[in-house]
N, C-alpha and C. Protein backbone atom coordinates (compact mmCIF):
# COMPACT_ATOMS: atom_id res chain seq x y z
N MET A 1 -12.49 55.04 -16.45
CA MET A 1 -13.46 54.28 -15.98
C MET A 1 -13.66 53.01 -16.63
N ARG A 2 -13.53 52.98 -17.96
CA ARG A 2 -13.93 52.03 -18.80
C ARG A 2 -12.75 50.88 -18.77
N ARG A 3 -11.55 51.52 -18.52
CA ARG A 3 -10.44 50.67 -18.23
C ARG A 3 -10.71 49.62 -17.11
N TRP A 4 -11.14 50.32 -16.10
CA TRP A 4 -11.25 49.43 -14.82
C TRP A 4 -12.20 48.32 -14.81
N VAL A 5 -13.45 48.66 -15.65
CA VAL A 5 -14.62 48.07 -15.90
C VAL A 5 -13.92 46.85 -16.60
N PHE A 6 -13.17 46.88 -17.58
CA PHE A 6 -12.65 45.77 -18.53
C PHE A 6 -11.53 44.93 -17.66
N ILE A 7 -10.98 45.39 -16.86
CA ILE A 7 -10.10 44.68 -16.13
C ILE A 7 -10.83 43.80 -15.01
N ALA A 8 -11.87 44.36 -14.45
CA ALA A 8 -12.59 43.65 -13.70
C ALA A 8 -13.18 42.64 -14.15
N LEU A 9 -13.77 42.57 -15.36
CA LEU A 9 -14.35 41.64 -16.24
C LEU A 9 -13.43 40.84 -16.47
N LEU A 10 -12.25 40.79 -16.80
CA LEU A 10 -11.16 40.11 -17.37
C LEU A 10 -10.83 39.30 -16.06
N VAL A 11 -10.66 39.83 -14.76
CA VAL A 11 -10.44 38.96 -13.75
C VAL A 11 -11.41 37.97 -13.62
N ILE A 12 -12.56 38.50 -13.45
CA ILE A 12 -13.80 37.63 -13.33
C ILE A 12 -13.92 36.26 -14.11
N VAL A 13 -13.69 36.68 -15.43
CA VAL A 13 -13.64 35.69 -16.46
C VAL A 13 -12.56 34.65 -16.43
N LEU A 14 -11.48 35.10 -15.93
CA LEU A 14 -10.16 34.24 -15.79
C LEU A 14 -10.49 33.41 -14.41
N THR A 15 -10.86 33.97 -13.56
CA THR A 15 -11.17 33.14 -12.17
C THR A 15 -12.17 32.14 -12.43
N ALA A 16 -13.17 32.34 -13.36
CA ALA A 16 -14.28 31.48 -13.65
C ALA A 16 -13.55 30.38 -14.44
N SER A 17 -12.86 30.50 -15.29
CA SER A 17 -12.04 29.61 -16.26
C SER A 17 -11.39 28.62 -15.39
N VAL A 18 -10.62 29.25 -14.68
CA VAL A 18 -9.74 28.24 -13.83
C VAL A 18 -10.46 27.54 -12.76
N LEU A 19 -11.20 27.92 -12.11
CA LEU A 19 -12.40 27.25 -11.39
C LEU A 19 -12.97 25.98 -12.22
N LEU A 20 -13.48 26.29 -13.49
CA LEU A 20 -14.11 25.31 -14.27
C LEU A 20 -12.94 24.42 -14.60
N ILE A 21 -11.87 24.64 -15.00
CA ILE A 21 -10.98 23.68 -15.34
C ILE A 21 -10.68 22.92 -14.31
N LYS A 22 -10.24 23.35 -13.15
CA LYS A 22 -10.08 22.90 -11.94
C LYS A 22 -11.19 21.65 -11.39
N GLN A 23 -12.43 21.97 -11.53
CA GLN A 23 -13.49 21.19 -11.26
C GLN A 23 -13.64 20.12 -12.20
N ARG A 24 -13.40 20.18 -13.45
CA ARG A 24 -13.47 19.20 -14.37
C ARG A 24 -12.04 18.41 -14.45
N SER A 25 -11.23 18.64 -13.71
CA SER A 25 -10.10 17.58 -13.67
C SER A 25 -10.23 16.62 -12.67
N VAL A 26 -11.02 16.95 -11.71
CA VAL A 26 -11.41 16.06 -10.40
C VAL A 26 -12.42 15.05 -10.97
N PRO A 27 -11.92 13.59 -10.80
CA PRO A 27 -12.86 12.77 -11.23
C PRO A 27 -14.19 12.66 -10.51
N ALA A 28 -15.56 12.72 -11.37
CA ALA A 28 -16.76 12.70 -10.63
C ALA A 28 -16.76 11.68 -9.87
N ASN A 29 -16.43 10.31 -9.92
CA ASN A 29 -16.42 9.12 -9.21
C ASN A 29 -15.22 8.55 -8.74
N PRO A 30 -14.65 8.92 -7.55
CA PRO A 30 -13.39 8.45 -7.46
C PRO A 30 -13.30 7.02 -7.17
N ILE A 31 -12.22 6.17 -7.50
CA ILE A 31 -12.52 4.83 -7.18
C ILE A 31 -12.24 4.35 -5.92
N ARG A 32 -13.31 3.63 -5.69
CA ARG A 32 -13.57 3.12 -4.21
C ARG A 32 -13.04 1.57 -4.16
N HIS A 33 -12.15 1.23 -3.20
CA HIS A 33 -11.80 -0.20 -3.28
C HIS A 33 -12.60 -0.76 -1.93
N LEU A 34 -13.35 -0.32 -1.13
CA LEU A 34 -14.01 -0.85 -0.02
C LEU A 34 -15.66 -0.77 -0.28
N ALA A 35 -16.16 -1.83 0.02
CA ALA A 35 -17.65 -1.76 0.07
C ALA A 35 -18.23 -2.51 1.47
N ARG A 36 -19.34 -2.08 1.98
CA ARG A 36 -19.91 -2.55 3.30
C ARG A 36 -20.92 -3.78 2.73
N ILE A 37 -21.14 -4.71 3.30
CA ILE A 37 -22.00 -5.83 3.05
C ILE A 37 -22.77 -6.02 4.48
N PRO A 38 -24.00 -5.47 4.55
CA PRO A 38 -24.90 -5.79 5.90
C PRO A 38 -25.08 -6.92 6.30
N ASP A 39 -25.08 -7.12 7.60
CA ASP A 39 -25.58 -8.46 8.05
C ASP A 39 -24.83 -9.85 7.34
N SER A 40 -23.39 -9.65 7.44
CA SER A 40 -22.77 -10.61 6.72
C SER A 40 -22.32 -11.76 7.68
N ALA A 41 -22.50 -11.65 8.90
CA ALA A 41 -22.02 -12.51 9.94
C ALA A 41 -22.65 -14.02 9.85
N TYR A 42 -22.06 -15.00 10.17
CA TYR A 42 -22.63 -16.40 10.40
C TYR A 42 -22.95 -16.99 9.05
N ARG A 43 -22.38 -16.42 8.03
CA ARG A 43 -22.52 -17.07 6.59
C ARG A 43 -21.39 -17.71 6.05
N TYR A 44 -20.05 -17.35 6.70
CA TYR A 44 -18.78 -17.96 6.23
C TYR A 44 -17.87 -18.52 7.03
N ASN A 45 -17.11 -19.28 6.43
CA ASN A 45 -15.85 -20.02 7.48
C ASN A 45 -15.08 -18.85 7.84
N LEU A 46 -14.65 -18.65 9.10
CA LEU A 46 -13.53 -17.76 9.49
C LEU A 46 -12.42 -18.32 9.82
N CYS A 47 -11.35 -17.69 9.33
CA CYS A 47 -9.93 -18.09 9.75
C CYS A 47 -9.20 -17.52 10.76
N THR A 48 -9.32 -16.04 10.94
CA THR A 48 -8.54 -15.27 12.07
C THR A 48 -9.16 -14.37 12.53
N GLU A 49 -9.21 -14.11 13.85
CA GLU A 49 -9.61 -13.16 14.53
C GLU A 49 -8.69 -11.90 15.17
N ALA A 50 -9.19 -10.72 14.85
CA ALA A 50 -8.24 -9.54 15.32
C ALA A 50 -8.90 -8.63 16.10
N ILE A 51 -8.27 -7.74 16.93
CA ILE A 51 -8.97 -6.73 17.68
C ILE A 51 -8.44 -5.56 17.33
N ALA A 52 -9.36 -4.67 17.01
CA ALA A 52 -8.89 -3.35 16.48
C ALA A 52 -9.55 -2.29 17.60
N TYR A 53 -8.40 -1.62 18.09
CA TYR A 53 -8.80 -0.47 18.93
C TYR A 53 -8.75 1.05 18.12
N SER A 54 -9.66 1.85 18.76
CA SER A 54 -9.69 3.31 18.22
C SER A 54 -8.49 3.93 18.46
N ARG A 55 -7.89 3.65 19.62
CA ARG A 55 -6.63 4.58 20.02
C ARG A 55 -5.52 3.46 20.62
N PRO A 56 -5.21 3.08 19.58
CA PRO A 56 -3.80 1.79 19.75
C PRO A 56 -2.80 2.44 20.46
N PHE A 57 -1.97 1.60 21.10
CA PHE A 57 -0.71 2.31 21.70
C PHE A 57 0.33 1.76 20.75
N PRO A 58 1.45 2.39 20.58
CA PRO A 58 2.32 2.01 19.58
C PRO A 58 2.85 0.65 19.69
N ASP A 59 3.08 0.21 20.97
CA ASP A 59 3.53 -1.32 21.10
C ASP A 59 2.30 -2.16 21.16
N ASN A 60 1.18 -1.88 20.75
CA ASN A 60 -0.02 -2.79 20.55
C ASN A 60 0.34 -4.01 19.99
N PRO A 61 0.43 -5.12 20.74
CA PRO A 61 0.42 -6.67 20.39
C PRO A 61 -0.54 -7.16 19.39
N TYR A 62 -1.72 -6.43 19.33
CA TYR A 62 -2.79 -6.85 18.57
C TYR A 62 -2.65 -6.20 17.34
N LYS A 63 -2.26 -7.06 16.17
CA LYS A 63 -2.20 -6.49 14.95
C LYS A 63 -3.49 -6.83 14.14
N THR A 64 -3.95 -6.02 13.16
CA THR A 64 -4.98 -6.29 12.43
C THR A 64 -4.65 -6.59 10.87
N ASN A 65 -3.40 -6.87 10.75
CA ASN A 65 -2.84 -7.17 9.53
C ASN A 65 -3.33 -8.43 8.84
N PHE A 66 -3.65 -8.76 7.76
CA PHE A 66 -4.16 -10.04 7.31
C PHE A 66 -3.36 -9.91 5.82
N THR A 67 -2.35 -11.01 5.48
CA THR A 67 -1.76 -11.26 4.34
C THR A 67 -2.19 -12.22 3.66
N PHE A 68 -2.39 -12.25 2.31
CA PHE A 68 -2.90 -13.34 1.45
C PHE A 68 -2.32 -13.22 0.06
N GLN A 69 -2.33 -14.24 -0.60
CA GLN A 69 -1.91 -14.57 -1.81
C GLN A 69 -2.75 -13.45 -3.08
N ASP A 70 -2.00 -12.66 -3.53
CA ASP A 70 -2.58 -11.90 -4.70
C ASP A 70 -3.22 -12.74 -5.67
N PRO A 71 -4.75 -12.67 -5.94
CA PRO A 71 -5.34 -13.60 -6.96
C PRO A 71 -4.85 -13.29 -8.37
N PHE A 72 -4.16 -12.19 -8.60
CA PHE A 72 -3.80 -11.81 -9.98
C PHE A 72 -2.23 -11.68 -10.33
N ARG A 73 -1.59 -11.51 -9.04
CA ARG A 73 -0.19 -11.57 -9.31
C ARG A 73 0.68 -12.65 -8.53
N LYS A 74 1.87 -12.83 -8.68
CA LYS A 74 2.79 -13.59 -7.89
C LYS A 74 3.30 -13.00 -6.75
N ALA A 75 2.28 -12.23 -5.60
CA ALA A 75 3.10 -11.69 -4.76
C ALA A 75 1.85 -11.81 -3.39
N LYS A 76 2.22 -11.27 -2.42
CA LYS A 76 1.43 -11.37 -1.17
C LYS A 76 0.77 -9.79 -1.14
N ASP A 77 -0.53 -9.80 -0.78
CA ASP A 77 -1.22 -8.62 -0.46
C ASP A 77 -1.47 -8.59 0.85
N THR A 78 -1.70 -7.34 1.61
CA THR A 78 -2.00 -7.09 3.11
C THR A 78 -3.07 -6.03 3.09
N ILE A 79 -4.25 -6.36 3.75
CA ILE A 79 -5.06 -5.46 4.32
C ILE A 79 -4.97 -5.17 5.94
N ILE A 80 -5.04 -4.15 6.16
CA ILE A 80 -4.93 -3.69 7.56
C ILE A 80 -6.14 -2.78 8.04
N PRO A 81 -7.19 -3.29 8.36
CA PRO A 81 -8.29 -2.49 8.94
C PRO A 81 -7.96 -1.92 10.17
N LEU A 82 -8.31 -0.37 10.29
CA LEU A 82 -7.95 0.32 11.73
C LEU A 82 -9.24 1.00 11.92
N LEU A 83 -9.58 0.76 13.38
CA LEU A 83 -10.79 1.30 13.68
C LEU A 83 -10.58 2.84 13.95
N TRP A 84 -11.35 3.66 13.27
CA TRP A 84 -10.95 5.11 13.16
C TRP A 84 -12.01 6.03 14.03
N ASP A 85 -13.31 5.80 14.05
CA ASP A 85 -14.05 6.60 14.56
C ASP A 85 -15.46 5.91 15.08
N GLN A 86 -15.76 6.44 15.99
CA GLN A 86 -17.43 5.68 16.49
C GLN A 86 -18.81 6.77 16.28
N ASN A 87 -19.93 6.43 16.03
CA ASN A 87 -20.93 7.11 16.13
C ASN A 87 -21.89 6.59 16.98
N LEU A 88 -21.77 7.19 18.21
CA LEU A 88 -22.57 6.47 19.65
C LEU A 88 -23.98 6.66 19.13
N HIS A 89 -24.50 7.48 18.38
CA HIS A 89 -25.85 7.78 18.04
C HIS A 89 -26.53 6.50 17.30
N ASP A 90 -25.96 6.21 16.33
CA ASP A 90 -26.60 5.05 15.50
C ASP A 90 -25.69 3.58 15.65
N GLN A 91 -24.89 3.68 16.69
CA GLN A 91 -24.13 2.37 17.03
C GLN A 91 -23.22 1.91 15.68
N THR A 92 -22.58 2.70 15.16
CA THR A 92 -21.74 2.38 14.02
C THR A 92 -20.47 2.80 14.06
N VAL A 93 -19.36 2.24 13.49
CA VAL A 93 -18.06 2.78 13.51
C VAL A 93 -17.48 3.05 12.07
N SER A 94 -16.37 3.75 12.12
CA SER A 94 -15.83 3.95 10.61
C SER A 94 -14.22 3.02 10.97
N PHE A 95 -13.98 2.73 9.79
CA PHE A 95 -12.72 2.02 9.41
C PHE A 95 -11.82 2.90 8.43
N ARG A 96 -10.58 3.03 8.82
CA ARG A 96 -9.61 3.07 7.73
C ARG A 96 -8.88 1.82 7.39
N VAL A 97 -8.79 1.78 6.13
CA VAL A 97 -8.02 0.13 5.83
C VAL A 97 -6.99 0.64 4.99
N LYS A 98 -5.89 0.02 5.13
CA LYS A 98 -4.68 0.24 4.36
C LYS A 98 -4.65 -1.27 3.50
N ILE A 99 -4.57 -0.79 2.08
CA ILE A 99 -4.48 -1.97 1.35
C ILE A 99 -3.16 -2.18 0.58
N ILE A 100 -2.31 -2.96 0.76
CA ILE A 100 -0.78 -3.08 0.20
C ILE A 100 -0.99 -4.29 -0.77
N LEU A 101 -0.81 -3.72 -2.07
CA LEU A 101 -0.70 -4.64 -3.22
C LEU A 101 0.61 -5.13 -3.53
N GLY A 102 1.16 -5.93 -2.81
CA GLY A 102 2.60 -6.48 -2.78
C GLY A 102 3.71 -5.29 -2.91
N GLN A 103 4.34 -5.23 -4.17
CA GLN A 103 5.19 -4.18 -4.50
C GLN A 103 4.73 -2.89 -5.38
N LEU A 104 3.54 -3.20 -5.60
CA LEU A 104 2.62 -2.31 -6.57
C LEU A 104 2.19 -1.25 -6.27
N ASP A 105 1.40 -1.27 -5.09
CA ASP A 105 0.86 -0.05 -4.97
C ASP A 105 0.29 -0.19 -3.47
N THR A 106 0.03 0.99 -2.78
CA THR A 106 -0.71 1.25 -1.36
C THR A 106 -1.77 2.02 -1.64
N PHE A 107 -2.96 1.68 -0.80
CA PHE A 107 -4.14 2.56 -0.97
C PHE A 107 -4.65 2.70 0.63
N THR A 108 -5.17 3.72 0.99
CA THR A 108 -5.79 3.78 2.22
C THR A 108 -7.07 4.63 2.01
N GLU A 109 -8.12 3.89 2.37
CA GLU A 109 -9.37 4.37 2.06
C GLU A 109 -10.21 4.07 3.54
N SER A 110 -11.26 4.99 3.73
CA SER A 110 -12.06 4.88 4.70
C SER A 110 -13.50 4.40 4.23
N ILE A 111 -14.26 3.77 5.44
CA ILE A 111 -15.64 3.63 5.02
C ILE A 111 -16.23 3.73 6.50
N SER A 112 -17.63 4.43 6.37
CA SER A 112 -18.18 4.77 7.70
C SER A 112 -19.53 3.91 7.88
N ASN A 113 -20.29 4.08 8.69
CA ASN A 113 -21.45 3.34 9.11
C ASN A 113 -21.59 2.04 9.23
N VAL A 114 -20.38 1.40 9.59
CA VAL A 114 -20.21 -0.10 9.78
C VAL A 114 -20.81 -0.50 11.18
N ALA A 115 -21.87 -1.59 10.99
CA ALA A 115 -22.51 -1.98 12.31
C ALA A 115 -22.20 -3.20 12.64
N VAL A 116 -22.25 -3.73 13.66
CA VAL A 116 -22.04 -5.00 14.01
C VAL A 116 -22.50 -5.91 13.07
N LEU A 117 -21.80 -7.18 12.82
CA LEU A 117 -22.26 -8.01 11.82
C LEU A 117 -22.25 -7.68 10.38
N ASP A 118 -21.75 -6.40 10.03
CA ASP A 118 -21.51 -6.15 8.69
C ASP A 118 -20.16 -6.62 8.17
N GLY A 119 -19.93 -6.97 6.98
CA GLY A 119 -18.81 -7.32 6.38
C GLY A 119 -18.17 -6.17 5.62
N ILE A 120 -17.04 -6.14 5.22
CA ILE A 120 -16.23 -5.24 4.38
C ILE A 120 -15.39 -6.18 3.46
N SER A 121 -15.93 -5.80 2.12
CA SER A 121 -14.98 -6.37 0.95
C SER A 121 -13.99 -5.23 0.37
N ILE A 122 -12.96 -5.81 0.14
CA ILE A 122 -11.79 -5.02 -0.56
C ILE A 122 -11.64 -5.39 -2.06
N MET A 123 -12.03 -4.33 -3.01
CA MET A 123 -11.71 -4.70 -4.38
C MET A 123 -10.36 -4.49 -4.76
N LEU A 124 -9.73 -5.41 -5.58
CA LEU A 124 -8.34 -5.39 -6.19
C LEU A 124 -8.64 -5.00 -7.65
N PRO A 125 -7.55 -4.36 -8.15
CA PRO A 125 -7.22 -4.42 -9.61
C PRO A 125 -6.66 -5.65 -10.24
N ASP A 126 -7.05 -5.92 -11.34
CA ASP A 126 -6.49 -7.33 -11.93
C ASP A 126 -5.30 -6.76 -12.82
N LEU A 127 -4.81 -7.74 -13.68
CA LEU A 127 -3.69 -7.50 -14.39
C LEU A 127 -3.87 -6.13 -15.39
N GLN A 128 -5.05 -5.88 -15.82
CA GLN A 128 -5.48 -4.92 -16.58
C GLN A 128 -6.05 -3.61 -15.94
N GLY A 129 -5.91 -3.66 -14.55
CA GLY A 129 -6.49 -2.54 -13.83
C GLY A 129 -7.86 -2.45 -13.56
N GLN A 130 -8.74 -3.39 -14.08
CA GLN A 130 -10.10 -3.46 -13.85
C GLN A 130 -10.41 -3.74 -12.39
N LEU A 131 -11.04 -3.08 -11.61
CA LEU A 131 -11.35 -3.65 -9.97
C LEU A 131 -12.30 -5.01 -10.12
N GLN A 132 -11.62 -5.84 -9.12
CA GLN A 132 -12.43 -7.17 -8.97
C GLN A 132 -12.95 -7.13 -7.67
N LYS A 133 -14.21 -7.50 -7.39
CA LYS A 133 -14.49 -7.80 -6.28
C LYS A 133 -14.66 -9.14 -5.61
N PRO A 134 -14.41 -9.48 -4.39
CA PRO A 134 -14.72 -10.92 -4.02
C PRO A 134 -16.18 -11.43 -3.86
N SER A 135 -16.33 -12.52 -3.77
CA SER A 135 -17.61 -13.30 -3.79
C SER A 135 -18.27 -13.10 -2.15
N ILE A 136 -17.38 -12.89 -1.28
CA ILE A 136 -17.61 -12.69 0.14
C ILE A 136 -16.61 -11.49 0.63
N PRO A 137 -17.29 -10.97 1.87
CA PRO A 137 -16.26 -9.97 2.51
C PRO A 137 -15.02 -10.57 3.05
N GLN A 138 -14.05 -9.99 3.13
CA GLN A 138 -12.63 -10.13 3.79
C GLN A 138 -12.92 -10.20 5.09
N PHE A 139 -13.42 -9.27 5.77
CA PHE A 139 -13.73 -9.44 7.09
C PHE A 139 -15.03 -9.00 7.71
N ILE A 140 -15.48 -9.29 8.91
CA ILE A 140 -16.73 -8.98 9.33
C ILE A 140 -16.54 -8.51 10.80
N VAL A 141 -17.32 -7.40 11.08
CA VAL A 141 -17.30 -6.99 12.51
C VAL A 141 -18.18 -7.73 13.35
N SER A 142 -17.62 -8.43 14.10
CA SER A 142 -18.06 -9.60 14.95
C SER A 142 -18.95 -8.83 16.17
N SER A 143 -18.20 -7.92 16.70
CA SER A 143 -18.71 -7.36 17.94
C SER A 143 -18.04 -5.78 18.16
N LEU A 144 -18.83 -4.88 18.78
CA LEU A 144 -17.99 -3.65 19.15
C LEU A 144 -18.27 -3.54 20.78
N GLU A 145 -16.99 -3.32 21.21
CA GLU A 145 -16.87 -3.24 22.85
C GLU A 145 -16.80 -1.96 23.07
N ARG A 146 -16.90 -1.71 24.80
CA ARG A 146 -16.64 -0.32 25.12
C ARG A 146 -17.10 0.73 24.45
N ASN A 147 -18.43 0.82 23.85
CA ASN A 147 -18.87 2.07 23.31
C ASN A 147 -18.08 2.24 22.05
N GLY A 148 -17.93 1.08 21.30
CA GLY A 148 -17.39 1.35 19.89
C GLY A 148 -15.85 1.52 19.90
N THR A 149 -14.91 1.62 21.09
CA THR A 149 -13.63 1.83 20.93
C THR A 149 -12.82 0.80 20.66
N ILE A 150 -13.55 -0.56 20.89
CA ILE A 150 -12.96 -1.74 20.41
C ILE A 150 -13.75 -2.62 19.38
N ALA A 151 -13.10 -3.04 18.60
CA ALA A 151 -13.88 -3.81 17.62
C ALA A 151 -13.26 -5.16 17.32
N ILE A 152 -14.09 -6.17 17.52
CA ILE A 152 -13.64 -7.64 17.04
C ILE A 152 -13.78 -7.94 15.79
N ILE A 153 -12.79 -8.17 14.90
CA ILE A 153 -13.00 -8.45 13.53
C ILE A 153 -12.60 -9.80 13.13
N ASP A 154 -13.44 -10.45 12.24
CA ASP A 154 -13.05 -11.87 11.68
C ASP A 154 -12.76 -11.83 10.39
N PHE A 155 -11.55 -12.30 10.08
CA PHE A 155 -11.32 -12.45 8.58
C PHE A 155 -11.87 -13.77 7.93
N THR A 156 -12.42 -13.82 6.83
CA THR A 156 -13.04 -14.94 6.25
C THR A 156 -11.79 -15.46 5.47
N CYS A 157 -11.53 -16.96 4.97
CA CYS A 157 -10.59 -17.61 4.60
C CYS A 157 -10.36 -17.31 3.21
N ALA A 158 -9.15 -16.84 2.72
CA ALA A 158 -9.09 -16.45 1.37
C ALA A 158 -9.24 -17.29 0.26
N GLU A 159 -9.15 -18.60 0.85
CA GLU A 159 -9.60 -19.68 -0.30
C GLU A 159 -11.19 -19.59 -0.83
N GLN A 160 -11.81 -19.02 -0.06
CA GLN A 160 -13.40 -18.93 -0.21
C GLN A 160 -13.81 -17.87 -1.38
N TRP A 161 -12.73 -16.83 -1.42
CA TRP A 161 -12.85 -15.66 -2.34
C TRP A 161 -12.77 -15.93 -3.71
N LYS A 162 -13.67 -15.79 -4.63
CA LYS A 162 -13.86 -15.82 -6.10
C LYS A 162 -14.14 -14.34 -6.42
N TRP A 163 -13.04 -13.87 -7.48
CA TRP A 163 -13.18 -12.78 -7.80
C TRP A 163 -13.95 -12.57 -9.10
N VAL A 164 -14.66 -11.47 -9.18
CA VAL A 164 -15.39 -11.11 -10.45
C VAL A 164 -15.45 -9.56 -10.71
N ALA A 165 -15.68 -9.24 -11.96
CA ALA A 165 -15.58 -7.64 -11.95
C ALA A 165 -16.62 -6.92 -11.26
N ALA A 166 -16.10 -5.96 -10.90
CA ALA A 166 -16.88 -5.00 -9.94
C ALA A 166 -17.73 -4.15 -10.63
């Protein structure tokens, strides 16, 4: 009997140890490359307009890709906002944004509770890996159509972006 109690206690201790190690290995604050800037419309010069569909067709001619010179490297970066989901209750949408840093890396992150006239800022790592945020959002949600299944987004001009530590 004592042997079974010892084995049961040993299994419990080992399981708790593995769970504790696993929990501590996950970062407490995952790196976020996106930030929502409420009520950002009508404040900045706009360079490009795009249409994001929640269910785009594969041959969709309307692309949301926006390519710009990386402020820290001799490369071109691309951001691709994709309309992901809608919340009809509070009239907001969610985006998945693909961030392609030249030949360096690609991130895909999501951001929720984005309302009409909100801006989205994409933070980029500098040469030391520190995240830098732009002085203004890279794109703004100008309008939502058809109950949030279409978003009109306007990209601000890259020349206006000034980068500071996040």
